[in-house]
Each structure stands twice: as structure tokens, then as C-alpha cells.
Amino acid sequence: MVELGTEYKAPEKYNANIDHHVAFYDGIRDGKPIAEDALFSMRAAGPALASNKSYFDKKIINWDPENAKLV
């Protein structure tokens, strides 16, 4: 639980995008464990992808987060 007034600051010059890619490439090249699997990624990206589909198709899109698919 985070107390009110607590603030997290990333280390100076830290870049989450670079860190993310380095961890992924280390997993591919060196067999190091990858923290997030494909289902985690789809659950994270799915709602954004569904929003885009909804916008371009001009209709409501329903998203099932448990099964990570459109319904």
C-alpha cells in the first residue's frame, strides 16, 4: 500500500523503453527469463487495440480481459 505523499522517482537518465527492449533481447539472445508473457502483453495492449477498432469501425467493441479477445 502506498502512503499519501509517497512519490516514486526513476533513477536519473533511466529510460523504461530502452530497459524494456534490452530485457526482451536478452531473453531472446541469452535465454534470460522474460518477465511478461504473450498473454500479459495482449491484456495490456488489447483495450487500446479495441479502442482503435471501435473508432475506425464506428461501432462499440467489447473486450473480454479474462480470455484476451474481442466478444
N, C-alpha and C. Protein backbone atom coordinates (compact mmCIF):
# COMPACT_ATOMS: atom_id res chain seq x y z
N MET A 1 0.84 -1.17 0.00
CA MET A 1 0.00 0.00 0.00
C MET A 1 0.90 1.24 0.00
N VAL A 2 0.58 2.18 -0.87
CA VAL A 2 1.36 3.40 -0.97
C VAL A 2 0.72 4.46 -0.08
N GLU A 3 1.54 5.04 0.76
CA GLU A 3 1.03 6.09 1.64
C GLU A 3 0.91 7.39 0.86
N LEU A 4 -0.05 8.21 1.25
CA LEU A 4 -0.20 9.51 0.62
C LEU A 4 1.07 10.31 0.85
N GLY A 5 1.47 11.03 -0.17
CA GLY A 5 2.69 11.81 -0.07
C GLY A 5 3.93 11.06 -0.53
N THR A 6 3.81 9.75 -0.75
CA THR A 6 4.93 8.97 -1.24
C THR A 6 5.05 9.18 -2.74
N GLU A 7 6.25 9.44 -3.19
CA GLU A 7 6.46 9.69 -4.61
C GLU A 7 7.61 8.83 -5.10
N TYR A 8 7.41 8.16 -6.22
CA TYR A 8 8.47 7.36 -6.82
C TYR A 8 9.15 8.18 -7.91
N LYS A 9 10.46 8.18 -7.90
CA LYS A 9 11.22 8.83 -8.96
C LYS A 9 12.19 7.82 -9.54
N ALA A 10 12.16 7.68 -10.84
CA ALA A 10 13.09 6.77 -11.52
C ALA A 10 14.50 7.34 -11.41
N PRO A 11 15.49 6.48 -11.45
CA PRO A 11 16.87 6.96 -11.42
C PRO A 11 17.15 7.92 -12.58
N GLU A 12 18.06 8.83 -12.37
CA GLU A 12 18.42 9.80 -13.40
C GLU A 12 18.87 9.07 -14.66
N LYS A 13 18.43 9.54 -15.80
CA LYS A 13 18.74 9.00 -17.13
C LYS A 13 18.14 7.62 -17.38
N TYR A 14 17.24 7.16 -16.52
CA TYR A 14 16.58 5.87 -16.74
C TYR A 14 15.57 6.01 -17.87
N ASN A 15 15.52 5.03 -18.75
CA ASN A 15 14.59 5.05 -19.87
C ASN A 15 13.86 3.71 -19.89
N ALA A 16 12.58 3.72 -19.55
CA ALA A 16 11.81 2.48 -19.48
C ALA A 16 11.72 1.79 -20.83
N ASN A 17 11.67 2.56 -21.91
CA ASN A 17 11.58 1.97 -23.23
C ASN A 17 12.84 1.18 -23.56
N ILE A 18 14.00 1.75 -23.27
CA ILE A 18 15.25 1.04 -23.53
C ILE A 18 15.36 -0.19 -22.62
N ASP A 19 15.01 -0.03 -21.35
CA ASP A 19 15.06 -1.14 -20.40
C ASP A 19 14.17 -2.30 -20.86
N HIS A 20 13.00 -1.97 -21.34
CA HIS A 20 12.05 -2.98 -21.83
C HIS A 20 12.66 -3.76 -23.00
N HIS A 21 13.23 -3.05 -23.97
CA HIS A 21 13.79 -3.70 -25.14
C HIS A 21 15.04 -4.51 -24.80
N VAL A 22 15.87 -3.99 -23.93
CA VAL A 22 17.08 -4.72 -23.53
C VAL A 22 16.69 -6.03 -22.85
N ALA A 23 15.71 -5.98 -21.96
CA ALA A 23 15.27 -7.21 -21.27
C ALA A 23 14.71 -8.22 -22.27
N PHE A 24 13.94 -7.74 -23.25
CA PHE A 24 13.38 -8.65 -24.26
C PHE A 24 14.48 -9.28 -25.10
N TYR A 25 15.43 -8.48 -25.59
CA TYR A 25 16.51 -9.01 -26.42
C TYR A 25 17.42 -9.94 -25.63
N ASP A 26 17.65 -9.65 -24.36
CA ASP A 26 18.43 -10.56 -23.52
C ASP A 26 17.72 -11.91 -23.40
N GLY A 27 16.40 -11.88 -23.32
CA GLY A 27 15.65 -13.12 -23.25
C GLY A 27 15.76 -13.93 -24.53
N ILE A 28 15.71 -13.24 -25.66
CA ILE A 28 15.81 -13.92 -26.95
C ILE A 28 17.24 -14.42 -27.19
N ARG A 29 18.20 -13.55 -27.00
CA ARG A 29 19.60 -13.89 -27.33
C ARG A 29 20.25 -14.82 -26.31
N ASP A 30 20.01 -14.55 -25.02
CA ASP A 30 20.73 -15.26 -23.98
C ASP A 30 19.88 -16.24 -23.17
N GLY A 31 18.58 -16.32 -23.50
CA GLY A 31 17.70 -17.24 -22.79
C GLY A 31 17.34 -16.79 -21.39
N LYS A 32 17.57 -15.50 -21.09
CA LYS A 32 17.19 -14.98 -19.77
C LYS A 32 15.66 -14.94 -19.68
N PRO A 33 15.11 -15.08 -18.48
CA PRO A 33 13.66 -15.07 -18.35
C PRO A 33 13.05 -13.74 -18.79
N ILE A 34 11.92 -13.82 -19.47
CA ILE A 34 11.18 -12.63 -19.88
C ILE A 34 10.05 -12.45 -18.87
N ALA A 35 9.97 -11.27 -18.29
CA ALA A 35 9.04 -11.03 -17.18
C ALA A 35 7.57 -11.16 -17.59
N GLU A 36 7.23 -10.67 -18.76
CA GLU A 36 5.83 -10.72 -19.19
C GLU A 36 5.68 -11.67 -20.37
N ASP A 37 4.66 -12.51 -20.30
CA ASP A 37 4.42 -13.43 -21.40
C ASP A 37 3.45 -12.79 -22.41
N ALA A 38 3.13 -13.53 -23.46
CA ALA A 38 2.28 -13.01 -24.52
C ALA A 38 0.88 -12.65 -24.00
N LEU A 39 0.34 -13.44 -23.09
CA LEU A 39 -0.99 -13.15 -22.57
C LEU A 39 -0.98 -11.84 -21.77
N PHE A 40 0.04 -11.62 -20.97
CA PHE A 40 0.17 -10.35 -20.24
C PHE A 40 0.18 -9.19 -21.23
N SER A 41 0.96 -9.33 -22.28
CA SER A 41 1.08 -8.27 -23.28
C SER A 41 -0.25 -8.02 -23.97
N MET A 42 -0.96 -9.09 -24.32
CA MET A 42 -2.25 -8.92 -25.00
C MET A 42 -3.26 -8.27 -24.08
N ARG A 43 -3.24 -8.62 -22.81
CA ARG A 43 -4.16 -7.98 -21.86
C ARG A 43 -3.84 -6.50 -21.70
N ALA A 44 -2.57 -6.14 -21.84
CA ALA A 44 -2.17 -4.74 -21.74
C ALA A 44 -2.51 -3.97 -23.02
N ALA A 45 -2.26 -4.57 -24.17
CA ALA A 45 -2.47 -3.89 -25.45
C ALA A 45 -3.89 -4.02 -25.98
N GLY A 46 -4.58 -5.07 -25.59
CA GLY A 46 -5.91 -5.36 -26.13
C GLY A 46 -6.90 -4.22 -26.04
N PRO A 47 -7.05 -3.59 -24.88
CA PRO A 47 -8.02 -2.50 -24.79
C PRO A 47 -7.69 -1.33 -25.73
N ALA A 48 -6.42 -1.03 -25.91
CA ALA A 48 -6.04 0.05 -26.84
C ALA A 48 -6.34 -0.36 -28.27
N LEU A 49 -6.05 -1.61 -28.63
CA LEU A 49 -6.36 -2.09 -29.97
C LEU A 49 -7.86 -2.10 -30.21
N ALA A 50 -8.63 -2.50 -29.19
CA ALA A 50 -10.09 -2.49 -29.31
C ALA A 50 -10.63 -1.07 -29.46
N SER A 51 -10.01 -0.12 -28.78
CA SER A 51 -10.42 1.29 -28.91
C SER A 51 -10.21 1.78 -30.33
N ASN A 52 -9.06 1.45 -30.91
CA ASN A 52 -8.81 1.84 -32.29
C ASN A 52 -9.81 1.20 -33.24
N LYS A 53 -10.07 -0.08 -33.05
CA LYS A 53 -11.03 -0.78 -33.91
C LYS A 53 -12.41 -0.14 -33.78
N SER A 54 -12.81 0.18 -32.56
CA SER A 54 -14.09 0.82 -32.32
C SER A 54 -14.18 2.17 -33.05
N TYR A 55 -13.12 2.93 -32.98
CA TYR A 55 -13.09 4.25 -33.62
C TYR A 55 -13.20 4.11 -35.14
N PHE A 56 -12.37 3.27 -35.73
CA PHE A 56 -12.34 3.16 -37.18
C PHE A 56 -13.57 2.43 -37.74
N ASP A 57 -14.12 1.47 -37.00
CA ASP A 57 -15.32 0.76 -37.45
C ASP A 57 -16.60 1.51 -37.09
N LYS A 58 -16.44 2.57 -36.26
CA LYS A 58 -17.58 3.39 -35.81
C LYS A 58 -18.67 2.53 -35.14
N LYS A 59 -18.22 1.64 -34.26
CA LYS A 59 -19.15 0.81 -33.50
C LYS A 59 -18.52 0.41 -32.17
N ILE A 60 -19.36 -0.01 -31.26
CA ILE A 60 -18.88 -0.44 -29.94
C ILE A 60 -18.21 -1.80 -30.08
N ILE A 61 -17.03 -1.90 -29.47
CA ILE A 61 -16.28 -3.16 -29.46
C ILE A 61 -16.21 -3.62 -28.01
N ASN A 62 -16.55 -4.85 -27.76
CA ASN A 62 -16.48 -5.41 -26.40
C ASN A 62 -15.22 -6.25 -26.26
N TRP A 63 -14.55 -6.09 -25.13
CA TRP A 63 -13.29 -6.75 -24.85
C TRP A 63 -13.43 -7.66 -23.64
N ASP A 64 -13.01 -8.90 -23.77
CA ASP A 64 -13.01 -9.87 -22.67
C ASP A 64 -11.59 -9.96 -22.13
N PRO A 65 -11.29 -9.30 -20.99
CA PRO A 65 -9.92 -9.29 -20.48
C PRO A 65 -9.47 -10.64 -19.93
N GLU A 66 -10.40 -11.47 -19.49
CA GLU A 66 -10.01 -12.78 -18.95
C GLU A 66 -9.48 -13.69 -20.05
N ASN A 67 -10.12 -13.64 -21.22
CA ASN A 67 -9.72 -14.50 -22.33
C ASN A 67 -8.92 -13.75 -23.39
N ALA A 68 -8.69 -12.46 -23.16
CA ALA A 68 -7.91 -11.60 -24.05
C ALA A 68 -8.40 -11.70 -25.50
N LYS A 69 -9.69 -11.42 -25.68
CA LYS A 69 -10.23 -11.46 -27.04
C LYS A 69 -11.45 -10.56 -27.16
N LEU A 70 -11.76 -10.22 -28.40
CA LEU A 70 -12.97 -9.44 -28.67
C LEU A 70 -14.18 -10.35 -28.54
N VAL A 71 -15.27 -9.79 -28.04
CA VAL A 71 -16.52 -10.57 -27.93
C VAL A 71 -17.63 -9.85 -28.66
